[in-house]
Amino acid sequence: MKKKKAVFTGKLRIRRGDVVVVTAGKDRGASGKVLRVLPARGRLIVEGVNKIKRATRANPQKNIKGGILEREAPIAVANVQLRDPETGKATRLGVRTEGEERVRYAKKSGVTVSAVTAASGE
């Protein structure tokens, strides 16, 4: 029997380029920049976090060397929080209206992080 893949139905407020802090797991306390967001599975790929080793065959056509490569694996969005731009600690994200536009803000300090675009689906 094949195992069903988990489908994420919550809201993803974290985006590519955000700096996050890992709150649970083997890399707890580490922080890094979000490289990719995988919204269907509710996961993120964070720079320097959740490293795995993979044996890879050489492929000269794609200029890939063989051997054991180390790369980042996806981490659950529930195990990370945004790093507060003011204090540097983990914080939750909120969305509020400032004038005509909706913006994301850090709940701990109240500092505006970035604008919410219509394409982000919030």
N, C-alpha and C. Protein backbone atom coordinates (compact mmCIF):
# COMPACT_ATOMS: atom_id res chain seq x y z
N MET A 1 0.83 -1.20 0.00
CA MET A 1 0.00 0.00 0.00
C MET A 1 0.86 1.25 0.00
N LYS A 2 0.48 2.20 -0.83
CA LYS A 2 1.21 3.46 -0.89
C LYS A 2 0.74 4.39 0.21
N LYS A 3 1.71 5.07 0.81
CA LYS A 3 1.39 6.03 1.86
C LYS A 3 0.89 7.33 1.23
N LYS A 4 -0.19 7.88 1.78
CA LYS A 4 -0.74 9.14 1.27
C LYS A 4 0.14 10.30 1.68
N LYS A 5 0.35 11.24 0.76
CA LYS A 5 1.11 12.43 1.10
C LYS A 5 0.20 13.41 1.82
N ALA A 6 0.74 14.05 2.85
CA ALA A 6 -0.04 15.01 3.61
C ALA A 6 -0.32 16.25 2.76
N VAL A 7 -1.55 16.73 2.82
CA VAL A 7 -1.93 17.93 2.09
C VAL A 7 -2.14 19.04 3.11
N PHE A 8 -1.45 20.15 2.91
CA PHE A 8 -1.52 21.30 3.82
C PHE A 8 -2.69 22.19 3.42
N THR A 9 -3.55 22.53 4.39
CA THR A 9 -4.71 23.35 4.07
C THR A 9 -4.69 24.71 4.76
N GLY A 10 -3.67 24.97 5.58
CA GLY A 10 -3.59 26.23 6.32
C GLY A 10 -3.10 27.36 5.44
N LYS A 11 -2.88 28.53 6.08
CA LYS A 11 -2.37 29.70 5.37
C LYS A 11 -0.87 29.79 5.56
N LEU A 12 -0.16 30.04 4.47
CA LEU A 12 1.28 30.23 4.53
C LEU A 12 1.57 31.72 4.49
N ARG A 13 2.02 32.27 5.60
CA ARG A 13 2.34 33.70 5.61
C ARG A 13 3.83 33.92 5.37
N ILE A 14 4.61 32.84 5.48
CA ILE A 14 6.04 32.96 5.26
C ILE A 14 6.32 32.84 3.77
N ARG A 15 7.23 33.68 3.27
CA ARG A 15 7.52 33.73 1.84
C ARG A 15 8.99 33.52 1.55
N ARG A 16 9.31 33.30 0.29
CA ARG A 16 10.70 33.17 -0.14
C ARG A 16 11.45 34.47 0.19
N GLY A 17 12.62 34.33 0.76
CA GLY A 17 13.42 35.51 1.11
C GLY A 17 13.29 35.92 2.57
N ASP A 18 12.27 35.45 3.28
CA ASP A 18 12.11 35.75 4.70
C ASP A 18 13.21 35.05 5.51
N VAL A 19 13.61 35.65 6.61
CA VAL A 19 14.56 35.01 7.51
C VAL A 19 13.75 34.40 8.65
N VAL A 20 13.92 33.09 8.85
CA VAL A 20 13.13 32.36 9.85
C VAL A 20 14.03 31.71 10.89
N VAL A 21 13.43 31.40 12.05
CA VAL A 21 14.10 30.70 13.14
C VAL A 21 13.42 29.35 13.30
N VAL A 22 14.21 28.28 13.43
CA VAL A 22 13.65 26.94 13.62
C VAL A 22 13.28 26.79 15.09
N THR A 23 12.02 26.40 15.36
CA THR A 23 11.53 26.32 16.74
C THR A 23 11.44 24.88 17.25
N ALA A 24 11.55 23.89 16.35
CA ALA A 24 11.46 22.49 16.77
C ALA A 24 12.29 21.61 15.86
N GLY A 25 12.79 20.51 16.42
CA GLY A 25 13.55 19.55 15.62
C GLY A 25 15.03 19.62 15.92
N LYS A 26 15.81 18.88 15.12
CA LYS A 26 17.25 18.76 15.39
C LYS A 26 18.01 20.07 15.20
N ASP A 27 17.48 20.99 14.42
CA ASP A 27 18.13 22.27 14.16
C ASP A 27 17.51 23.42 14.94
N ARG A 28 16.85 23.12 16.06
CA ARG A 28 16.16 24.16 16.83
C ARG A 28 17.13 25.27 17.21
N GLY A 29 16.69 26.53 17.01
CA GLY A 29 17.52 27.68 17.33
C GLY A 29 18.26 28.24 16.13
N ALA A 30 18.40 27.41 15.08
CA ALA A 30 19.10 27.87 13.88
C ALA A 30 18.21 28.80 13.09
N SER A 31 18.83 29.71 12.34
CA SER A 31 18.03 30.59 11.49
C SER A 31 18.63 30.61 10.10
N GLY A 32 17.81 30.95 9.13
CA GLY A 32 18.27 31.01 7.75
C GLY A 32 17.22 31.63 6.86
N LYS A 33 17.62 31.88 5.63
CA LYS A 33 16.75 32.49 4.63
C LYS A 33 15.92 31.41 3.94
N VAL A 34 14.66 31.69 3.67
CA VAL A 34 13.79 30.74 2.97
C VAL A 34 14.16 30.75 1.49
N LEU A 35 14.57 29.58 0.98
CA LEU A 35 14.97 29.46 -0.42
C LEU A 35 13.79 29.10 -1.31
N ARG A 36 12.94 28.19 -0.83
CA ARG A 36 11.76 27.76 -1.59
C ARG A 36 10.60 27.51 -0.66
N VAL A 37 9.39 27.71 -1.16
CA VAL A 37 8.17 27.43 -0.40
C VAL A 37 7.40 26.36 -1.17
N LEU A 38 7.01 25.30 -0.46
CA LEU A 38 6.24 24.21 -1.06
C LEU A 38 4.85 24.22 -0.42
N PRO A 39 3.94 25.06 -0.92
CA PRO A 39 2.65 25.28 -0.24
C PRO A 39 1.74 24.05 -0.22
N ALA A 40 1.80 23.20 -1.22
CA ALA A 40 0.92 22.03 -1.26
C ALA A 40 1.21 21.08 -0.10
N ARG A 41 2.47 21.02 0.33
CA ARG A 41 2.86 20.12 1.42
C ARG A 41 3.09 20.84 2.74
N GLY A 42 3.00 22.18 2.73
CA GLY A 42 3.21 22.96 3.95
C GLY A 42 4.64 22.90 4.43
N ARG A 43 5.58 22.97 3.50
CA ARG A 43 6.99 22.85 3.84
C ARG A 43 7.81 23.97 3.22
N LEU A 44 8.99 24.19 3.78
CA LEU A 44 9.91 25.22 3.30
C LEU A 44 11.29 24.61 3.15
N ILE A 45 12.09 25.18 2.28
CA ILE A 45 13.51 24.83 2.23
C ILE A 45 14.25 26.06 2.73
N VAL A 46 14.97 25.88 3.85
CA VAL A 46 15.65 26.99 4.51
C VAL A 46 17.16 26.79 4.38
N GLU A 47 17.84 27.87 4.04
CA GLU A 47 19.28 27.84 3.81
C GLU A 47 20.04 27.40 5.06
N GLY A 48 20.83 26.32 4.93
CA GLY A 48 21.67 25.84 6.03
C GLY A 48 20.95 25.07 7.11
N VAL A 49 19.68 24.74 6.91
CA VAL A 49 18.89 24.05 7.93
C VAL A 49 18.39 22.71 7.39
N ASN A 50 18.33 21.68 8.25
CA ASN A 50 17.82 20.35 7.90
C ASN A 50 18.64 19.75 6.74
N LYS A 51 19.96 19.74 6.91
CA LYS A 51 20.86 19.22 5.88
C LYS A 51 20.77 17.70 5.83
N ILE A 52 20.77 17.16 4.60
CA ILE A 52 20.79 15.72 4.38
C ILE A 52 21.91 15.39 3.40
N LYS A 53 22.35 14.13 3.43
CA LYS A 53 23.38 13.68 2.50
C LYS A 53 22.76 12.73 1.50
N ARG A 54 23.11 12.91 0.24
CA ARG A 54 22.58 12.08 -0.83
C ARG A 54 23.73 11.59 -1.71
N ALA A 55 23.73 10.30 -2.00
CA ALA A 55 24.72 9.75 -2.92
C ALA A 55 24.25 10.08 -4.34
N THR A 56 25.13 10.67 -5.14
CA THR A 56 24.76 11.13 -6.47
C THR A 56 25.74 10.59 -7.50
N ARG A 57 25.20 10.15 -8.62
CA ARG A 57 26.02 9.69 -9.72
C ARG A 57 26.49 10.88 -10.55
N ALA A 58 27.67 10.77 -11.10
CA ALA A 58 28.20 11.86 -11.92
C ALA A 58 27.41 11.96 -13.22
N ASN A 59 27.18 13.21 -13.67
CA ASN A 59 26.50 13.46 -14.94
C ASN A 59 27.25 14.59 -15.65
N PRO A 60 28.21 14.23 -16.52
CA PRO A 60 29.02 15.25 -17.17
C PRO A 60 28.21 16.22 -18.05
N GLN A 61 27.10 15.76 -18.61
CA GLN A 61 26.28 16.62 -19.46
C GLN A 61 25.69 17.79 -18.68
N LYS A 62 25.28 17.54 -17.44
CA LYS A 62 24.71 18.59 -16.60
C LYS A 62 25.75 19.20 -15.66
N ASN A 63 27.02 18.82 -15.86
CA ASN A 63 28.13 19.34 -15.06
C ASN A 63 27.95 19.03 -13.57
N ILE A 64 27.52 17.81 -13.26
CA ILE A 64 27.32 17.38 -11.88
C ILE A 64 28.40 16.36 -11.52
N LYS A 65 29.11 16.62 -10.44
CA LYS A 65 30.12 15.68 -9.97
C LYS A 65 29.43 14.62 -9.12
N GLY A 66 29.94 13.42 -9.16
CA GLY A 66 29.38 12.33 -8.36
C GLY A 66 29.90 12.40 -6.93
N GLY A 67 29.37 11.53 -6.09
CA GLY A 67 29.81 11.45 -4.70
C GLY A 67 28.67 11.74 -3.74
N ILE A 68 29.02 12.03 -2.52
CA ILE A 68 28.02 12.32 -1.50
C ILE A 68 27.84 13.83 -1.41
N LEU A 69 26.64 14.28 -1.77
CA LEU A 69 26.32 15.71 -1.73
C LEU A 69 25.49 16.02 -0.50
N GLU A 70 25.71 17.20 0.06
CA GLU A 70 24.92 17.65 1.20
C GLU A 70 24.02 18.78 0.73
N ARG A 71 22.73 18.68 1.04
CA ARG A 71 21.79 19.72 0.63
C ARG A 71 20.69 19.86 1.67
N GLU A 72 19.89 20.92 1.51
CA GLU A 72 18.81 21.18 2.46
C GLU A 72 17.57 20.37 2.08
N ALA A 73 16.93 19.78 3.08
CA ALA A 73 15.67 19.06 2.88
C ALA A 73 14.53 19.96 3.35
N PRO A 74 13.31 19.72 2.87
CA PRO A 74 12.17 20.54 3.32
C PRO A 74 11.92 20.38 4.82
N ILE A 75 11.47 21.45 5.45
CA ILE A 75 11.12 21.44 6.87
C ILE A 75 9.69 21.94 6.99
N ALA A 76 8.94 21.39 7.94
CA ALA A 76 7.54 21.76 8.11
C ALA A 76 7.41 23.23 8.52
N VAL A 77 6.43 23.90 7.94
CA VAL A 77 6.22 25.33 8.21
C VAL A 77 5.83 25.54 9.68
N ALA A 78 5.26 24.52 10.32
CA ALA A 78 4.87 24.62 11.73
C ALA A 78 6.09 24.66 12.65
N ASN A 79 7.25 24.24 12.14
CA ASN A 79 8.46 24.20 12.96
C ASN A 79 9.34 25.43 12.80
N VAL A 80 8.86 26.45 12.10
CA VAL A 80 9.64 27.68 11.95
C VAL A 80 8.76 28.89 12.24
N GLN A 81 9.42 29.98 12.65
CA GLN A 81 8.75 31.26 12.84
C GLN A 81 9.62 32.35 12.24
N LEU A 82 9.00 33.42 11.84
CA LEU A 82 9.72 34.56 11.29
C LEU A 82 10.65 35.16 12.35
N ARG A 83 11.84 35.61 11.93
CA ARG A 83 12.74 36.30 12.86
C ARG A 83 12.36 37.77 12.87
N ASP A 84 12.09 38.28 14.07
CA ASP A 84 11.69 39.68 14.24
C ASP A 84 12.82 40.59 13.77
N PRO A 85 12.53 41.54 12.85
CA PRO A 85 13.57 42.43 12.35
C PRO A 85 14.17 43.33 13.43
N GLU A 86 13.43 43.60 14.49
CA GLU A 86 13.90 44.50 15.54
C GLU A 86 14.69 43.78 16.63
N THR A 87 14.14 42.66 17.14
CA THR A 87 14.76 41.97 18.27
C THR A 87 15.60 40.77 17.87
N GLY A 88 15.36 40.20 16.69
CA GLY A 88 16.10 39.03 16.24
C GLY A 88 15.56 37.73 16.80
N LYS A 89 14.46 37.79 17.57
CA LYS A 89 13.85 36.59 18.14
C LYS A 89 12.70 36.11 17.26
N ALA A 90 12.25 34.88 17.51
CA ALA A 90 11.13 34.31 16.74
C ALA A 90 9.84 35.05 17.08
N THR A 91 9.03 35.29 16.06
CA THR A 91 7.76 35.98 16.26
C THR A 91 6.72 35.44 15.29
N ARG A 92 5.46 35.63 15.65
CA ARG A 92 4.38 35.27 14.72
C ARG A 92 4.15 36.41 13.76
N LEU A 93 3.46 36.09 12.66
CA LEU A 93 3.16 37.09 11.63
C LEU A 93 1.69 37.44 11.67
N GLY A 94 1.38 38.70 11.48
CA GLY A 94 0.01 39.14 11.36
C GLY A 94 -0.17 39.92 10.08
N VAL A 95 -1.42 40.15 9.70
CA VAL A 95 -1.72 40.95 8.52
C VAL A 95 -2.65 42.08 8.95
N ARG A 96 -2.30 43.31 8.59
CA ARG A 96 -3.14 44.46 8.94
C ARG A 96 -3.19 45.42 7.75
N THR A 97 -4.13 46.36 7.81
CA THR A 97 -4.27 47.34 6.73
C THR A 97 -3.61 48.64 7.17
N GLU A 98 -2.71 49.14 6.31
CA GLU A 98 -2.08 50.43 6.54
C GLU A 98 -2.42 51.31 5.35
N GLY A 99 -3.36 52.22 5.54
CA GLY A 99 -3.82 53.06 4.44
C GLY A 99 -4.62 52.22 3.45
N GLU A 100 -4.13 52.14 2.23
CA GLU A 100 -4.82 51.39 1.17
C GLU A 100 -4.30 49.96 1.02
N GLU A 101 -3.12 49.66 1.56
CA GLU A 101 -2.55 48.33 1.33
C GLU A 101 -2.52 47.48 2.59
N ARG A 102 -2.54 46.15 2.36
CA ARG A 102 -2.43 45.20 3.45
C ARG A 102 -0.95 44.84 3.61
N VAL A 103 -0.50 44.81 4.86
CA VAL A 103 0.91 44.52 5.12
C VAL A 103 1.06 43.40 6.14
N ARG A 104 2.20 42.68 6.05
CA ARG A 104 2.55 41.67 7.05
C ARG A 104 3.37 42.36 8.12
N TYR A 105 3.13 42.00 9.39
CA TYR A 105 3.89 42.63 10.48
C TYR A 105 4.27 41.60 11.53
N ALA A 106 5.33 41.88 12.26
CA ALA A 106 5.80 41.03 13.34
C ALA A 106 4.95 41.30 14.57
N LYS A 107 4.36 40.27 15.14
CA LYS A 107 3.45 40.45 16.27
C LYS A 107 4.17 40.93 17.53
N LYS A 108 5.42 40.52 17.74
CA LYS A 108 6.14 40.90 18.97
C LYS A 108 6.45 42.39 19.02
N SER A 109 6.99 42.92 17.93
CA SER A 109 7.42 44.32 17.94
C SER A 109 6.47 45.25 17.19
N GLY A 110 5.60 44.68 16.34
CA GLY A 110 4.68 45.50 15.57
C GLY A 110 5.30 46.11 14.32
N VAL A 111 6.54 45.74 14.00
CA VAL A 111 7.24 46.28 12.84
C VAL A 111 6.68 45.68 11.56
N THR A 112 6.47 46.52 10.55
CA THR A 112 5.98 46.06 9.26
C THR A 112 7.09 45.30 8.55
N VAL A 113 6.75 44.10 8.03
CA VAL A 113 7.72 43.26 7.34
C VAL A 113 7.67 43.52 5.84
N SER A 114 6.49 43.38 5.24
CA SER A 114 6.34 43.65 3.80
C SER A 114 4.86 43.74 3.44
N ALA A 115 4.60 44.19 2.22
CA ALA A 115 3.22 44.31 1.75
C ALA A 115 2.70 42.94 1.32
N VAL A 116 1.38 42.77 1.42
CA VAL A 116 0.73 41.53 0.99
C VAL A 116 0.23 41.77 -0.43
N THR A 117 0.70 40.96 -1.38
CA THR A 117 0.26 41.10 -2.76
C THR A 117 -0.92 40.19 -3.02
N ALA A 118 -1.70 40.52 -4.03
CA ALA A 118 -2.88 39.72 -4.38
C ALA A 118 -2.49 38.33 -4.85
N ALA A 119 -1.29 38.18 -5.42
CA ALA A 119 -0.82 36.89 -5.94
C ALA A 119 -0.49 35.90 -4.83
N SER A 120 -0.24 36.39 -3.61
CA SER A 120 0.15 35.49 -2.52
C SER A 120 -1.02 34.68 -1.98
N GLY A 121 -2.25 35.08 -2.31
CA GLY A 121 -3.42 34.28 -1.93
C GLY A 121 -3.90 34.48 -0.52
N GLU A 122 -3.54 35.58 0.13
CA GLU A 122 -4.02 35.81 1.49
C GLU A 122 -5.26 36.68 1.47
